[in-house]
Structure formats: C-alpha cells, structure tokens
Amino acid sequence: MTDNDKNQNQRDKENFIFPHASYRGEFSPENLVFNANLQEFAQKVSYVCNLETNGKISSQSAYLQIKNLWKELKASMKNLGLEEKK
C-alpha cells in the first residue's frame, strides 16, 4: 500500500467519523459559527448516547453531560447575539 493510499484511507475514515455538511442557511458569520457549534453538540450528544447505551456510563451521567452540552450551546447562541426575541 502506497503512502497516497494510506493518506486516502485516513481521510475516508475521518470523513466517516466526522462528516461535514455545507451550510445552507442565511449567511452571517454568527450563523456559521452557531451552525458549527450545533453540529459539534449533535456529535457529542451522539457519543454520550452511545456510551450510555453500551453501559459505559450511567443514565444519570449521560443526562448530566447532555444537560451541560445544552447549556454550552445555549450560551453560544446568546454570545453570538442569536437569541430569539420574546
């Protein structure tokens, strides 16, 4: 296997584990950053759910981790000035 083949295999693995999607919403730097934060949130929640499902962490631990991730996402929305006006 050549170095080029190894590099391509590594890129394929990374694209599978960390998929990238183009942003299609209304463009602004804030929206783009929030979209990246949202995708990261979804990826981390997926990991936590998988750990809980496989018995690696407790349901309570999974809940608390997801709750903290939600708080971080909510704070990022506020910091970016994207909070919904009530």
N, C-alpha and C. Protein backbone atom coordinates (compact mmCIF):
# COMPACT_ATOMS: atom_id res chain seq x y z
N MET A 1 0.86 -1.17 0.00
CA MET A 1 0.00 0.00 0.00
C MET A 1 0.91 1.24 0.00
N THR A 2 0.63 2.15 -0.93
CA THR A 2 1.45 3.35 -1.04
C THR A 2 1.04 4.38 0.01
N ASP A 3 1.91 5.38 0.20
CA ASP A 3 1.60 6.46 1.15
C ASP A 3 0.34 7.20 0.72
N ASN A 4 0.15 7.35 -0.59
CA ASN A 4 -1.04 8.04 -1.10
C ASN A 4 -2.31 7.27 -0.73
N ASP A 5 -2.25 5.94 -0.84
CA ASP A 5 -3.40 5.09 -0.47
C ASP A 5 -3.68 5.20 1.03
N LYS A 6 -2.60 5.20 1.84
CA LYS A 6 -2.76 5.32 3.29
C LYS A 6 -3.39 6.66 3.66
N ASN A 7 -2.94 7.73 2.99
CA ASN A 7 -3.50 9.06 3.26
C ASN A 7 -4.97 9.12 2.88
N GLN A 8 -5.32 8.49 1.75
CA GLN A 8 -6.71 8.49 1.31
C GLN A 8 -7.57 7.69 2.29
N ASN A 9 -7.07 6.57 2.77
CA ASN A 9 -7.80 5.77 3.75
C ASN A 9 -8.03 6.56 5.03
N GLN A 10 -7.01 7.30 5.47
CA GLN A 10 -7.14 8.11 6.68
C GLN A 10 -8.20 9.20 6.47
N ARG A 11 -8.18 9.86 5.31
CA ARG A 11 -9.19 10.89 5.02
C ARG A 11 -10.59 10.29 4.98
N ASP A 12 -10.72 9.11 4.39
CA ASP A 12 -12.02 8.44 4.33
C ASP A 12 -12.55 8.13 5.73
N LYS A 13 -11.66 7.66 6.61
CA LYS A 13 -12.06 7.37 7.99
C LYS A 13 -12.51 8.64 8.70
N GLU A 14 -11.73 9.70 8.56
CA GLU A 14 -12.07 10.97 9.21
C GLU A 14 -13.40 11.52 8.69
N ASN A 15 -13.64 11.42 7.39
CA ASN A 15 -14.90 11.90 6.82
C ASN A 15 -16.08 11.07 7.30
N PHE A 16 -15.84 9.78 7.55
CA PHE A 16 -16.91 8.93 8.05
C PHE A 16 -17.23 9.26 9.51
N ILE A 17 -16.18 9.42 10.32
CA ILE A 17 -16.38 9.68 11.75
C ILE A 17 -16.83 11.12 11.99
N PHE A 18 -16.28 12.06 11.24
CA PHE A 18 -16.60 13.48 11.42
C PHE A 18 -17.14 14.05 10.11
N PRO A 19 -18.39 13.72 9.77
CA PRO A 19 -18.93 14.19 8.49
C PRO A 19 -19.06 15.72 8.47
N HIS A 20 -18.89 16.27 7.31
CA HIS A 20 -19.01 17.72 7.12
C HIS A 20 -20.16 17.98 6.17
N ALA A 21 -20.98 18.94 6.52
CA ALA A 21 -22.08 19.32 5.64
C ALA A 21 -21.96 20.80 5.33
N SER A 22 -22.30 21.18 4.13
CA SER A 22 -22.26 22.58 3.75
C SER A 22 -23.37 23.34 4.47
N TYR A 23 -23.07 24.58 4.84
CA TYR A 23 -24.07 25.41 5.50
C TYR A 23 -24.99 25.99 4.43
N ARG A 24 -26.29 25.85 4.61
CA ARG A 24 -27.25 26.29 3.60
C ARG A 24 -28.21 27.34 4.11
N GLY A 25 -28.04 27.79 5.35
CA GLY A 25 -28.94 28.79 5.91
C GLY A 25 -28.56 30.20 5.48
N GLU A 26 -29.26 31.16 6.08
CA GLU A 26 -28.95 32.57 5.82
C GLU A 26 -27.55 32.86 6.33
N PHE A 27 -26.67 33.35 5.46
CA PHE A 27 -25.28 33.51 5.85
C PHE A 27 -25.05 34.76 6.67
N SER A 28 -24.38 34.55 7.78
CA SER A 28 -23.74 35.61 8.56
C SER A 28 -22.65 34.89 9.33
N PRO A 29 -21.60 35.60 9.72
CA PRO A 29 -20.55 34.91 10.49
C PRO A 29 -21.11 34.26 11.76
N GLU A 30 -22.07 34.93 12.40
CA GLU A 30 -22.65 34.39 13.63
C GLU A 30 -23.41 33.10 13.35
N ASN A 31 -24.19 33.09 12.28
CA ASN A 31 -24.95 31.88 11.93
C ASN A 31 -24.01 30.72 11.58
N LEU A 32 -22.94 31.03 10.89
CA LEU A 32 -21.99 30.00 10.51
C LEU A 32 -21.31 29.39 11.74
N VAL A 33 -20.90 30.24 12.69
CA VAL A 33 -20.28 29.76 13.92
C VAL A 33 -21.29 28.94 14.73
N PHE A 34 -22.53 29.43 14.83
CA PHE A 34 -23.53 28.68 15.58
C PHE A 34 -23.80 27.33 14.93
N ASN A 35 -23.83 27.29 13.60
CA ASN A 35 -24.04 26.02 12.91
C ASN A 35 -22.93 25.03 13.26
N ALA A 36 -21.69 25.51 13.29
CA ALA A 36 -20.58 24.63 13.67
C ALA A 36 -20.75 24.15 15.11
N ASN A 37 -21.17 25.05 16.00
CA ASN A 37 -21.41 24.67 17.40
C ASN A 37 -22.54 23.65 17.50
N LEU A 38 -23.57 23.84 16.71
CA LEU A 38 -24.71 22.92 16.72
C LEU A 38 -24.30 21.53 16.23
N GLN A 39 -23.49 21.48 15.19
CA GLN A 39 -23.03 20.19 14.68
C GLN A 39 -22.15 19.49 15.71
N GLU A 40 -21.30 20.26 16.39
CA GLU A 40 -20.45 19.69 17.44
C GLU A 40 -21.31 19.17 18.60
N PHE A 41 -22.34 19.92 18.96
CA PHE A 41 -23.28 19.50 20.01
C PHE A 41 -23.91 18.15 19.63
N ALA A 42 -24.40 18.06 18.42
CA ALA A 42 -25.06 16.83 17.96
C ALA A 42 -24.10 15.65 17.99
N GLN A 43 -22.87 15.87 17.57
CA GLN A 43 -21.87 14.79 17.57
C GLN A 43 -21.58 14.32 18.99
N LYS A 44 -21.41 15.27 19.91
CA LYS A 44 -21.11 14.90 21.30
C LYS A 44 -22.29 14.21 21.96
N VAL A 45 -23.50 14.66 21.69
CA VAL A 45 -24.69 14.00 22.24
C VAL A 45 -24.76 12.57 21.73
N SER A 46 -24.44 12.38 20.48
CA SER A 46 -24.45 11.03 19.90
C SER A 46 -23.45 10.13 20.63
N TYR A 47 -22.24 10.65 20.90
CA TYR A 47 -21.25 9.87 21.63
C TYR A 47 -21.75 9.50 23.02
N VAL A 48 -22.31 10.48 23.72
CA VAL A 48 -22.81 10.24 25.08
C VAL A 48 -23.91 9.17 25.06
N CYS A 49 -24.82 9.29 24.10
CA CYS A 49 -25.91 8.31 24.00
C CYS A 49 -25.37 6.91 23.73
N ASN A 50 -24.38 6.82 22.87
CA ASN A 50 -23.79 5.52 22.57
C ASN A 50 -23.08 4.93 23.78
N LEU A 51 -22.37 5.77 24.53
CA LEU A 51 -21.72 5.29 25.75
C LEU A 51 -22.74 4.77 26.76
N GLU A 52 -23.84 5.49 26.90
CA GLU A 52 -24.89 5.06 27.84
C GLU A 52 -25.55 3.78 27.35
N THR A 53 -25.85 3.71 26.08
CA THR A 53 -26.49 2.52 25.52
C THR A 53 -25.63 1.28 25.70
N ASN A 54 -24.32 1.45 25.60
CA ASN A 54 -23.40 0.31 25.74
C ASN A 54 -22.96 0.06 27.17
N GLY A 55 -23.57 0.77 28.12
CA GLY A 55 -23.29 0.51 29.53
C GLY A 55 -21.97 1.07 30.03
N LYS A 56 -21.35 1.96 29.27
CA LYS A 56 -20.06 2.53 29.69
C LYS A 56 -20.24 3.66 30.69
N ILE A 57 -21.38 4.35 30.64
CA ILE A 57 -21.70 5.39 31.62
C ILE A 57 -23.15 5.20 32.05
N SER A 58 -23.48 5.75 33.21
CA SER A 58 -24.84 5.60 33.74
C SER A 58 -25.80 6.55 33.02
N SER A 59 -27.08 6.28 33.16
CA SER A 59 -28.10 7.15 32.59
C SER A 59 -28.01 8.54 33.21
N GLN A 60 -27.78 8.58 34.51
CA GLN A 60 -27.66 9.87 35.21
C GLN A 60 -26.47 10.66 34.68
N SER A 61 -25.34 10.00 34.48
CA SER A 61 -24.16 10.67 33.94
C SER A 61 -24.43 11.18 32.53
N ALA A 62 -25.08 10.37 31.71
CA ALA A 62 -25.41 10.78 30.34
C ALA A 62 -26.31 12.01 30.37
N TYR A 63 -27.32 11.97 31.23
CA TYR A 63 -28.23 13.10 31.35
C TYR A 63 -27.48 14.38 31.72
N LEU A 64 -26.62 14.29 32.72
CA LEU A 64 -25.88 15.47 33.17
C LEU A 64 -24.93 15.99 32.09
N GLN A 65 -24.29 15.09 31.38
CA GLN A 65 -23.39 15.51 30.31
C GLN A 65 -24.15 16.22 29.19
N ILE A 66 -25.30 15.67 28.82
CA ILE A 66 -26.10 16.28 27.76
C ILE A 66 -26.67 17.62 28.23
N LYS A 67 -27.05 17.69 29.49
CA LYS A 67 -27.54 18.95 30.06
C LYS A 67 -26.46 20.03 29.99
N ASN A 68 -25.22 19.67 30.32
CA ASN A 68 -24.12 20.62 30.24
C ASN A 68 -23.82 21.03 28.80
N LEU A 69 -23.88 20.07 27.89
CA LEU A 69 -23.68 20.39 26.48
C LEU A 69 -24.76 21.37 25.99
N TRP A 70 -25.99 21.15 26.44
CA TRP A 70 -27.10 22.04 26.06
C TRP A 70 -26.85 23.46 26.58
N LYS A 71 -26.38 23.54 27.84
CA LYS A 71 -26.09 24.86 28.41
C LYS A 71 -25.01 25.58 27.61
N GLU A 72 -23.99 24.83 27.19
CA GLU A 72 -22.93 25.42 26.38
C GLU A 72 -23.47 25.92 25.04
N LEU A 73 -24.33 25.13 24.41
CA LEU A 73 -24.91 25.52 23.13
C LEU A 73 -25.78 26.77 23.29
N LYS A 74 -26.58 26.78 24.34
CA LYS A 74 -27.45 27.92 24.62
C LYS A 74 -26.61 29.18 24.87
N ALA A 75 -25.52 29.05 25.62
CA ALA A 75 -24.63 30.18 25.89
C ALA A 75 -23.99 30.68 24.61
N SER A 76 -23.63 29.77 23.71
CA SER A 76 -23.01 30.20 22.45
C SER A 76 -24.01 31.00 21.62
N MET A 77 -25.26 30.59 21.65
CA MET A 77 -26.30 31.33 20.92
C MET A 77 -26.44 32.74 21.49
N LYS A 78 -26.43 32.82 22.81
CA LYS A 78 -26.55 34.12 23.46
C LYS A 78 -25.33 34.99 23.15
N ASN A 79 -24.13 34.41 23.26
CA ASN A 79 -22.89 35.16 23.00
C ASN A 79 -22.79 35.64 21.56
N LEU A 80 -23.40 34.91 20.65
CA LEU A 80 -23.37 35.30 19.24
C LEU A 80 -24.49 36.28 18.90
N GLY A 81 -25.34 36.60 19.86
CA GLY A 81 -26.43 37.54 19.63
C GLY A 81 -27.56 36.96 18.80
N LEU A 82 -27.76 35.67 18.90
CA LEU A 82 -28.79 34.99 18.09
C LEU A 82 -30.00 34.57 18.91
N GLU A 83 -30.10 35.06 20.14
CA GLU A 83 -31.24 34.68 20.98
C GLU A 83 -32.53 35.13 20.35
N GLU A 84 -33.54 34.28 20.49
CA GLU A 84 -34.87 34.61 19.98
C GLU A 84 -35.46 35.73 20.81
N LYS A 85 -35.97 36.72 20.13
CA LYS A 85 -36.61 37.84 20.85
C LYS A 85 -37.99 37.40 21.30
N LYS A 86 -38.32 37.68 22.57
CA LYS A 86 -39.63 37.27 23.10
C LYS A 86 -40.61 38.40 23.05
